[in-house]
């Protein structure tokens, strides 16, 4: 899994061959942003279960109606449903060389299903754990605003719109997503600490390769630079040990 710099013309460095990059971190740790950087660098798709579920809610289909109340309260969606969505998505042709998993798995049962699924598909996992202080997360998320038309995400402190409360792109009034309200954020953090954070130890026990990156401070680009440096270091260690 050699990690090289992008060429001067902006082309990505080529796919991370046959790897599933599994991003871990509490809500608001920057998984979505780092996923997009990884997509641009390696040319493999991002799979966000949160985005998939929000799309179902927006379409008001059967799945959306069944999960909307749980997501708005901060509760986790049933494992069986999320596992089925991920299995179907990983079967698509664009995942043949790997993928970036953002927000999945969140429970031990999901993690066990994922390892079995990756084995079936001939993919191996590499876990990237974004570590952020919870007080910083609450401040980050409570400042989020989103455009209901184009989906552009803003933050009152780190990425404010040019005109307060208005989308730069289409002039729509920005809104607060239900799952970004502080009460819901605290519930999500409690669920993460109780159910998801222990998965770091689970993957260690399974022998998965794992990187831990301090994502509390610094620009997203600087944090991504640290991820790339750690990936290169890990690749060098694997090469030397082979």
C-alpha atoms as a PDB file:
ATOM      1  CA  UNK A   1       0.000   0.000   0.000  1.00  0.00           C
ATOM      2  CA  UNK A   2       2.562   2.567  -1.062  1.00  0.00           C
ATOM      3  CA  UNK A   3       1.528   6.149  -0.310  1.00  0.00           C
ATOM      4  CA  UNK A   4       3.022   8.672  -2.704  1.00  0.00           C
ATOM      5  CA  UNK A   5       2.463  12.353  -3.283  1.00  0.00           C
ATOM      6  CA  UNK A   6       0.011  13.525  -5.888  1.00  0.00           C
ATOM      7  CA  UNK A   7       1.501  14.566  -9.195  1.00  0.00           C
ATOM      8  CA  UNK A   8       1.787  18.236 -10.062  1.00  0.00           C
ATOM      9  CA  UNK A   9      -1.243  18.113 -12.333  1.00  0.00           C
ATOM     10  CA  UNK A  10      -3.461  17.150  -9.379  1.00  0.00           C
ATOM     11  CA  UNK A  11      -4.052  13.513 -10.334  1.00  0.00           C
ATOM     12  CA  UNK A  12      -4.375  11.172  -7.374  1.00  0.00           C
ATOM     13  CA  UNK A  13      -1.570   8.783  -6.561  1.00  0.00           C
ATOM     14  CA  UNK A  14      -3.526   5.692  -7.531  1.00  0.00           C
ATOM     15  CA  UNK A  15      -5.751   3.419  -5.432  1.00  0.00           C
ATOM     16  CA  UNK A  16      -4.844   1.831  -2.143  1.00  0.00           C
ATOM     17  CA  UNK A  17      -4.967  -1.643  -3.635  1.00  0.00           C
ATOM     18  CA  UNK A  18      -7.390  -4.058  -1.996  1.00  0.00           C
ATOM     19  CA  UNK A  19      -7.653  -2.093   1.246  1.00  0.00           C
ATOM     20  CA  UNK A  20     -10.610  -0.896   3.306  1.00  0.00           C
ATOM     21  CA  UNK A  21      -9.613   2.205   5.272  1.00  0.00           C
ATOM     22  CA  UNK A  22     -11.828   2.205   8.379  1.00  0.00           C
ATOM     23  CA  UNK A  23     -12.117   5.660   9.951  1.00  0.00           C
ATOM     24  CA  UNK A  24     -12.891   5.773  13.668  1.00  0.00           C
ATOM     25  CA  UNK A  25     -13.575   8.802  15.796  1.00  0.00           C
ATOM     26  CA  UNK A  26     -16.446  10.321  17.749  1.00  0.00           C
ATOM     27  CA  UNK A  27     -19.080  12.465  16.008  1.00  0.00           C
ATOM     28  CA  UNK A  28     -17.431  15.735  14.991  1.00  0.00           C
ATOM     29  CA  UNK A  29     -13.893  14.348  14.845  1.00  0.00           C
ATOM     30  CA  UNK A  30     -13.594  15.171  11.148  1.00  0.00           C
ATOM     31  CA  UNK A  31     -14.126  11.727   9.642  1.00  0.00           C
ATOM     32  CA  UNK A  32     -16.157  13.108   6.748  1.00  0.00           C
ATOM     33  CA  UNK A  33     -13.550  15.713   5.844  1.00  0.00           C
ATOM     34  CA  UNK A  34     -10.648  13.282   6.061  1.00  0.00           C
ATOM     35  CA  UNK A  35     -12.634  10.766   4.014  1.00  0.00           C
ATOM     36  CA  UNK A  36     -12.941  13.267   1.178  1.00  0.00           C
ATOM     37  CA  UNK A  37      -9.191  13.945   1.278  1.00  0.00           C
ATOM     38  CA  UNK A  38      -8.520  10.189   1.112  1.00  0.00           C
ATOM     39  CA  UNK A  39     -10.940   9.785  -1.802  1.00  0.00           C
ATOM     40  CA  UNK A  40      -9.132  12.513  -3.754  1.00  0.00           C
ATOM     41  CA  UNK A  41      -5.707  11.042  -2.981  1.00  0.00           C
ATOM     42  CA  UNK A  42      -6.375   7.346  -3.606  1.00  0.00           C
ATOM     43  CA  UNK A  43      -9.357   7.250  -5.956  1.00  0.00           C
ATOM     44  CA  UNK A  44     -11.451   4.817  -3.921  1.00  0.00           C
ATOM     45  CA  UNK A  45     -15.034   5.573  -2.800  1.00  0.00           C
ATOM     46  CA  UNK A  46     -16.176   6.853   0.564  1.00  0.00           C
ATOM     47  CA  UNK A  47     -18.963   4.884   2.206  1.00  0.00           C
ATOM     48  CA  UNK A  48     -20.778   6.886   4.886  1.00  0.00           C
ATOM     49  CA  UNK A  49     -23.662   5.074   6.546  1.00  0.00           C
ATOM     50  CA  UNK A  50     -24.838   8.387   8.005  1.00  0.00           C
ATOM     51  CA  UNK A  51     -25.084   9.935   4.540  1.00  0.00           C
ATOM     52  CA  UNK A  52     -26.821   6.835   3.211  1.00  0.00           C
ATOM     53  CA  UNK A  53     -29.408   6.931   6.001  1.00  0.00           C
ATOM     54  CA  UNK A  54     -29.992  10.683   5.625  1.00  0.00           C
ATOM     55  CA  UNK A  55     -30.578  10.112   1.910  1.00  0.00           C
ATOM     56  CA  UNK A  56     -33.256   7.535   2.726  1.00  0.00           C
ATOM     57  CA  UNK A  57     -34.880  10.018   5.150  1.00  0.00           C
ATOM     58  CA  UNK A  58     -34.849  12.782   2.512  1.00  0.00           C
ATOM     59  CA  UNK A  59     -36.508  10.420   0.025  1.00  0.00           C
ATOM     60  CA  UNK A  60     -39.061   9.406   2.684  1.00  0.00           C
ATOM     61  CA  UNK A  61     -38.865   5.788   1.620  1.00  0.00           C
ATOM     62  CA  UNK A  62     -39.540   2.807   3.877  1.00  0.00           C
ATOM     63  CA  UNK A  63     -36.037   2.744   5.334  1.00  0.00           C
ATOM     64  CA  UNK A  64     -36.065   6.502   5.901  1.00  0.00           C
ATOM     65  CA  UNK A  65     -39.350   6.414   7.769  1.00  0.00           C
ATOM     66  CA  UNK A  66     -38.150   3.542   9.965  1.00  0.00           C
ATOM     67  CA  UNK A  67     -34.897   5.230  11.064  1.00  0.00           C
ATOM     68  CA  UNK A  68     -35.756   8.956  11.203  1.00  0.00           C
ATOM     69  CA  UNK A  69     -36.938   9.041  14.815  1.00  0.00           C
ATOM     70  CA  UNK A  70     -33.948   7.003  16.028  1.00  0.00           C
ATOM     71  CA  UNK A  71     -31.420   9.234  14.257  1.00  0.00           C
ATOM     72  CA  UNK A  72     -33.048  12.445  15.487  1.00  0.00           C
ATOM     73  CA  UNK A  73     -32.876  11.152  19.083  1.00  0.00           C
ATOM     74  CA  UNK A  74     -29.211  10.170  18.710  1.00  0.00           C
ATOM     75  CA  UNK A  75     -29.918   6.432  18.999  1.00  0.00           C
ATOM     76  CA  UNK A  76     -28.123   3.916  16.779  1.00  0.00           C
ATOM     77  CA  UNK A  77     -29.946   2.290  13.868  1.00  0.00           C
ATOM     78  CA  UNK A  78     -30.422  -1.495  14.008  1.00  0.00           C
ATOM     79  CA  UNK A  79     -27.285  -3.465  13.111  1.00  0.00           C
ATOM     80  CA  UNK A  80     -29.123  -5.712  10.657  1.00  0.00           C
ATOM     81  CA  UNK A  81     -30.269  -2.789   8.536  1.00  0.00           C
ATOM     82  CA  UNK A  82     -26.892  -1.024   8.486  1.00  0.00           C
ATOM     83  CA  UNK A  83     -25.012  -4.267   7.750  1.00  0.00           C
ATOM     84  CA  UNK A  84     -27.293  -4.972   4.788  1.00  0.00           C
ATOM     85  CA  UNK A  85     -26.750  -1.468   3.404  1.00  0.00           C
ATOM     86  CA  UNK A  86     -22.965  -1.806   3.678  1.00  0.00           C
ATOM     87  CA  UNK A  87     -22.924  -5.273   2.134  1.00  0.00           C
ATOM     88  CA  UNK A  88     -24.924  -4.038  -0.849  1.00  0.00           C
ATOM     89  CA  UNK A  89     -22.674  -0.988  -1.275  1.00  0.00           C
ATOM     90  CA  UNK A  90     -19.417  -2.955  -1.072  1.00  0.00           C
ATOM     91  CA  UNK A  91     -20.663  -5.260  -3.815  1.00  0.00           C
ATOM     92  CA  UNK A  92     -20.601  -2.378  -6.322  1.00  0.00           C
ATOM     93  CA  UNK A  93     -17.802  -2.377  -8.958  1.00  0.00           C
ATOM     94  CA  UNK A  94     -16.194   0.861  -7.718  1.00  0.00           C
ATOM     95  CA  UNK A  95     -15.217  -0.880  -4.451  1.00  0.00           C
ATOM     96  CA  UNK A  96     -13.157  -3.618  -6.108  1.00  0.00           C
ATOM     97  CA  UNK A  97      -9.846  -1.945  -5.165  1.00  0.00           C
ATOM     98  CA  UNK A  98     -10.982  -0.817  -1.740  1.00  0.00           C
ATOM     99  CA  UNK A  99     -13.053   1.817   0.014  1.00  0.00           C
ATOM    100  CA  UNK A 100     -13.114   4.289   2.872  1.00  0.00           C
ATOM    101  CA  UNK A 101     -15.607   3.454   5.612  1.00  0.00           C
ATOM    102  CA  UNK A 102     -16.839   6.527   7.501  1.00  0.00           C
ATOM    103  CA  UNK A 103     -19.040   5.892  10.535  1.00  0.00           C
ATOM    104  CA  UNK A 104     -19.123   2.113  10.189  1.00  0.00           C
ATOM    105  CA  UNK A 105     -18.803  -0.155  12.124  1.00  0.00           C
ATOM    106  CA  UNK A 106     -20.265   1.284  15.318  1.00  0.00           C
ATOM    107  CA  UNK A 107     -20.917  -1.892  17.302  1.00  0.00           C
ATOM    108  CA  UNK A 108     -19.084  -5.161  17.961  1.00  0.00           C
ATOM    109  CA  UNK A 109     -21.639  -7.065  15.882  1.00  0.00           C
ATOM    110  CA  UNK A 110     -21.108  -4.708  12.935  1.00  0.00           C
ATOM    111  CA  UNK A 111     -17.328  -5.075  13.265  1.00  0.00           C
ATOM    112  CA  UNK A 112     -17.540  -8.871  13.195  1.00  0.00           C
ATOM    113  CA  UNK A 113     -19.788  -8.752  10.121  1.00  0.00           C
ATOM    114  CA  UNK A 114     -17.413  -6.317   8.422  1.00  0.00           C
ATOM    115  CA  UNK A 115     -14.341  -8.503   8.928  1.00  0.00           C
ATOM    116  CA  UNK A 116     -16.176 -11.492   7.471  1.00  0.00           C
ATOM    117  CA  UNK A 117     -17.406  -9.408   4.533  1.00  0.00           C
ATOM    118  CA  UNK A 118     -13.951  -7.985   3.777  1.00  0.00           C
ATOM    119  CA  UNK A 119     -12.517 -11.495   3.842  1.00  0.00           C
ATOM    120  CA  UNK A 120     -15.155 -12.611   1.328  1.00  0.00           C
ATOM    121  CA  UNK A 121     -14.257  -9.704  -0.936  1.00  0.00           C
ATOM    122  CA  UNK A 122     -10.499 -10.179  -0.639  1.00  0.00           C
ATOM    123  CA  UNK A 123      -9.985  -6.832   1.105  1.00  0.00           C
ATOM    124  CA  UNK A 124      -7.921  -6.195   4.222  1.00  0.00           C
ATOM    125  CA  UNK A 125      -8.680  -3.504   6.781  1.00  0.00           C
ATOM    126  CA  UNK A 126      -6.532  -0.612   7.970  1.00  0.00           C
ATOM    127  CA  UNK A 127      -8.001   1.325  10.887  1.00  0.00           C
ATOM    128  CA  UNK A 128      -7.443   5.090  11.262  1.00  0.00           C
ATOM    129  CA  UNK A 129      -8.499   6.399  14.678  1.00  0.00           C
ATOM    130  CA  UNK A 130      -9.056  10.179  14.930  1.00  0.00           C
ATOM    131  CA  UNK A 131      -8.633  11.184  18.574  1.00  0.00           C
ATOM    132  CA  UNK A 132     -10.437  14.365  19.723  1.00  0.00           C
ATOM    133  CA  UNK A 133     -11.363  15.786  23.131  1.00  0.00           C
ATOM    134  CA  UNK A 134     -15.147  15.621  23.662  1.00  0.00           C
ATOM    135  CA  UNK A 135     -15.412  19.273  24.799  1.00  0.00           C
ATOM    136  CA  UNK A 136     -13.895  20.336  21.486  1.00  0.00           C
ATOM    137  CA  UNK A 137     -16.381  18.134  19.640  1.00  0.00           C
ATOM    138  CA  UNK A 138     -19.407  19.692  21.357  1.00  0.00           C
ATOM    139  CA  UNK A 139     -18.165  23.172  20.444  1.00  0.00           C
ATOM    140  CA  UNK A 140     -17.554  22.105  16.841  1.00  0.00           C
ATOM    141  CA  UNK A 141     -20.891  20.444  16.204  1.00  0.00           C
ATOM    142  CA  UNK A 142     -23.071  23.002  17.972  1.00  0.00           C
ATOM    143  CA  UNK A 143     -21.707  25.585  15.515  1.00  0.00           C
ATOM    144  CA  UNK A 144     -22.607  23.593  12.415  1.00  0.00           C
ATOM    145  CA  UNK A 145     -25.099  24.876   9.864  1.00  0.00           C
ATOM    146  CA  UNK A 146     -26.093  23.230   6.585  1.00  0.00           C
ATOM    147  CA  UNK A 147     -27.730  24.422   3.383  1.00  0.00           C
ATOM    148  CA  UNK A 148     -31.010  22.516   2.891  1.00  0.00           C
ATOM    149  CA  UNK A 149     -30.741  22.897  -0.897  1.00  0.00           C
ATOM    150  CA  UNK A 150     -27.145  22.011  -1.844  1.00  0.00           C
ATOM    151  CA  UNK A 151     -25.960  20.357   1.369  1.00  0.00           C
ATOM    152  CA  UNK A 152     -22.924  22.628   1.871  1.00  0.00           C
ATOM    153  CA  UNK A 153     -21.754  22.454   5.491  1.00  0.00           C
ATOM    154  CA  UNK A 154     -20.641  25.549   7.424  1.00  0.00           C
ATOM    155  CA  UNK A 155     -19.349  26.196  10.932  1.00  0.00           C
ATOM    156  CA  UNK A 156     -19.760  29.453  12.820  1.00  0.00           C
ATOM    157  CA  UNK A 157     -16.145  29.370  14.033  1.00  0.00           C
ATOM    158  CA  UNK A 158     -14.082  27.423  11.502  1.00  0.00           C
ATOM    159  CA  UNK A 159     -15.986  27.894   8.222  1.00  0.00           C
ATOM    160  CA  UNK A 160     -18.561  30.679   8.459  1.00  0.00           C
ATOM    161  CA  UNK A 161     -20.617  31.764   5.437  1.00  0.00           C
ATOM    162  CA  UNK A 162     -19.873  35.173   3.936  1.00  0.00           C
ATOM    163  CA  UNK A 163     -23.305  36.377   5.082  1.00  0.00           C
ATOM    164  CA  UNK A 164     -24.337  34.991   8.496  1.00  0.00           C
ATOM    165  CA  UNK A 165     -27.033  32.346   8.174  1.00  0.00           C
ATOM    166  CA  UNK A 166     -27.032  32.304   4.362  1.00  0.00           C
ATOM    167  CA  UNK A 167     -25.457  29.782   1.960  1.00  0.00           C
ATOM    168  CA  UNK A 168     -22.642  31.223  -0.175  1.00  0.00           C
ATOM    169  CA  UNK A 169     -23.625  29.095  -3.157  1.00  0.00           C
ATOM    170  CA  UNK A 170     -27.379  29.569  -3.570  1.00  0.00           C
ATOM    171  CA  UNK A 171     -28.570  32.085  -0.963  1.00  0.00           C
ATOM    172  CA  UNK A 172     -30.683  29.602   0.988  1.00  0.00           C
ATOM    173  CA  UNK A 173     -31.148  30.119   4.738  1.00  0.00           C
ATOM    174  CA  UNK A 174     -28.928  27.715   6.653  1.00  0.00           C
ATOM    175  CA  UNK A 175     -30.439  25.258   9.134  1.00  0.00           C
ATOM    176  CA  UNK A 176     -29.285  23.114  12.053  1.00  0.00           C
ATOM    177  CA  UNK A 177     -29.550  19.380  11.390  1.00  0.00           C
ATOM    178  CA  UNK A 178     -31.535  17.572  14.074  1.00  0.00           C
ATOM    179  CA  UNK A 179     -28.597  15.289  14.876  1.00  0.00           C
ATOM    180  CA  UNK A 180     -26.294  18.337  15.338  1.00  0.00           C
ATOM    181  CA  UNK A 181     -28.263  19.813  18.261  1.00  0.00           C
ATOM    182  CA  UNK A 182     -26.258  19.800  21.505  1.00  0.00           C
ATOM    183  CA  UNK A 183     -28.601  17.444  23.375  1.00  0.00           C
ATOM    184  CA  UNK A 184     -28.407  14.966  20.509  1.00  0.00           C
ATOM    185  CA  UNK A 185     -24.619  15.382  20.227  1.00  0.00           C
ATOM    186  CA  UNK A 186     -24.174  14.474  23.892  1.00  0.00           C
ATOM    187  CA  UNK A 187     -26.342  11.393  23.404  1.00  0.00           C
ATOM    188  CA  UNK A 188     -24.284  10.400  20.355  1.00  0.00           C
ATOM    189  CA  UNK A 189     -21.039  10.832  22.289  1.00  0.00           C
ATOM    190  CA  UNK A 190     -22.356   8.651  25.113  1.00  0.00           C
ATOM    191  CA  UNK A 191     -23.364   5.987  22.585  1.00  0.00           C
ATOM    192  CA  UNK A 192     -19.942   6.218  20.919  1.00  0.00           C
ATOM    193  CA  UNK A 193     -18.094   5.847  24.224  1.00  0.00           C
ATOM    194  CA  UNK A 194     -20.255   2.918  25.273  1.00  0.00           C
ATOM    195  CA  UNK A 195     -20.568   0.973  22.033  1.00  0.00           C
ATOM    196  CA  UNK A 196     -18.076   2.138  19.412  1.00  0.00           C
ATOM    197  CA  UNK A 197     -14.851   3.211  21.112  1.00  0.00           C
ATOM    198  CA  UNK A 198     -14.243  -0.330  22.481  1.00  0.00           C
ATOM    199  CA  UNK A 199     -13.981  -1.490  18.851  1.00  0.00           C
ATOM    200  CA  UNK A 200     -10.466  -0.035  18.740  1.00  0.00           C
ATOM    201  CA  UNK A 201      -9.400  -2.766  21.171  1.00  0.00           C
ATOM    202  CA  UNK A 202     -11.402  -5.334  19.198  1.00  0.00           C
ATOM    203  CA  UNK A 203      -9.515  -4.559  15.980  1.00  0.00           C
ATOM    204  CA  UNK A 204      -6.200  -4.662  17.856  1.00  0.00           C
ATOM    205  CA  UNK A 205      -7.100  -8.112  19.171  1.00  0.00           C
ATOM    206  CA  UNK A 206      -7.918  -9.222  15.619  1.00  0.00           C
ATOM    207  CA  UNK A 207      -4.452  -8.158  14.449  1.00  0.00           C
ATOM    208  CA  UNK A 208      -5.711  -5.263  12.315  1.00  0.00           C
ATOM    209  CA  UNK A 209      -3.227  -2.548  11.439  1.00  0.00           C
ATOM    210  CA  UNK A 210      -4.167   0.631  13.284  1.00  0.00           C
ATOM    211  CA  UNK A 211      -3.108   4.295  13.249  1.00  0.00           C
ATOM    212  CA  UNK A 212      -4.025   6.816  15.947  1.00  0.00           C
ATOM    213  CA  UNK A 213      -3.982  10.475  14.884  1.00  0.00           C
ATOM    214  CA  UNK A 214      -4.464  13.522  17.132  1.00  0.00           C
ATOM    215  CA  UNK A 215      -7.267  15.462  15.429  1.00  0.00           C
ATOM    216  CA  UNK A 216      -8.080  17.896  18.254  1.00  0.00           C
ATOM    217  CA  UNK A 217      -6.153  20.826  16.826  1.00  0.00           C
ATOM    218  CA  UNK A 218      -4.890  22.101  13.504  1.00  0.00           C
ATOM    219  CA  UNK A 219      -6.384  22.638  10.080  1.00  0.00           C
ATOM    220  CA  UNK A 220      -7.985  19.623   8.365  1.00  0.00           C
ATOM    221  CA  UNK A 221      -5.197  19.721   5.746  1.00  0.00           C
ATOM    222  CA  UNK A 222      -2.541  19.467   8.460  1.00  0.00           C
ATOM    223  CA  UNK A 223      -4.326  16.516  10.067  1.00  0.00           C
ATOM    224  CA  UNK A 224      -4.512  14.834   6.654  1.00  0.00           C
ATOM    225  CA  UNK A 225      -0.778  15.402   6.222  1.00  0.00           C
ATOM    226  CA  UNK A 226      -0.213  13.561   9.493  1.00  0.00           C
ATOM    227  CA  UNK A 227      -2.403  10.683   8.294  1.00  0.00           C
ATOM    228  CA  UNK A 228      -0.350  10.375   5.106  1.00  0.00           C
ATOM    229  CA  UNK A 229       2.914  10.501   7.077  1.00  0.00           C
ATOM    230  CA  UNK A 230       1.664   7.751   9.395  1.00  0.00           C
ATOM    231  CA  UNK A 231       0.506   5.654   6.431  1.00  0.00           C
ATOM    232  CA  UNK A 232       3.952   5.960   4.860  1.00  0.00           C
ATOM    233  CA  UNK A 233       5.608   5.030   8.152  1.00  0.00           C
ATOM    234  CA  UNK A 234       3.360   1.998   8.561  1.00  0.00           C
ATOM    235  CA  UNK A 235       4.027   0.907   4.984  1.00  0.00           C
ATOM    236  CA  UNK A 236       7.786   1.180   5.566  1.00  0.00           C
ATOM    237  CA  UNK A 237       7.517  -0.939   8.708  1.00  0.00           C
ATOM    238  CA  UNK A 238       5.504  -3.602   6.888  1.00  0.00           C
ATOM    239  CA  UNK A 239       7.999  -3.638   4.001  1.00  0.00           C
ATOM    240  CA  UNK A 240      10.977  -3.971   6.332  1.00  0.00           C
ATOM    241  CA  UNK A 241       9.281  -6.739   8.273  1.00  0.00           C
ATOM    242  CA  UNK A 242       8.259  -8.753   5.235  1.00  0.00           C
END
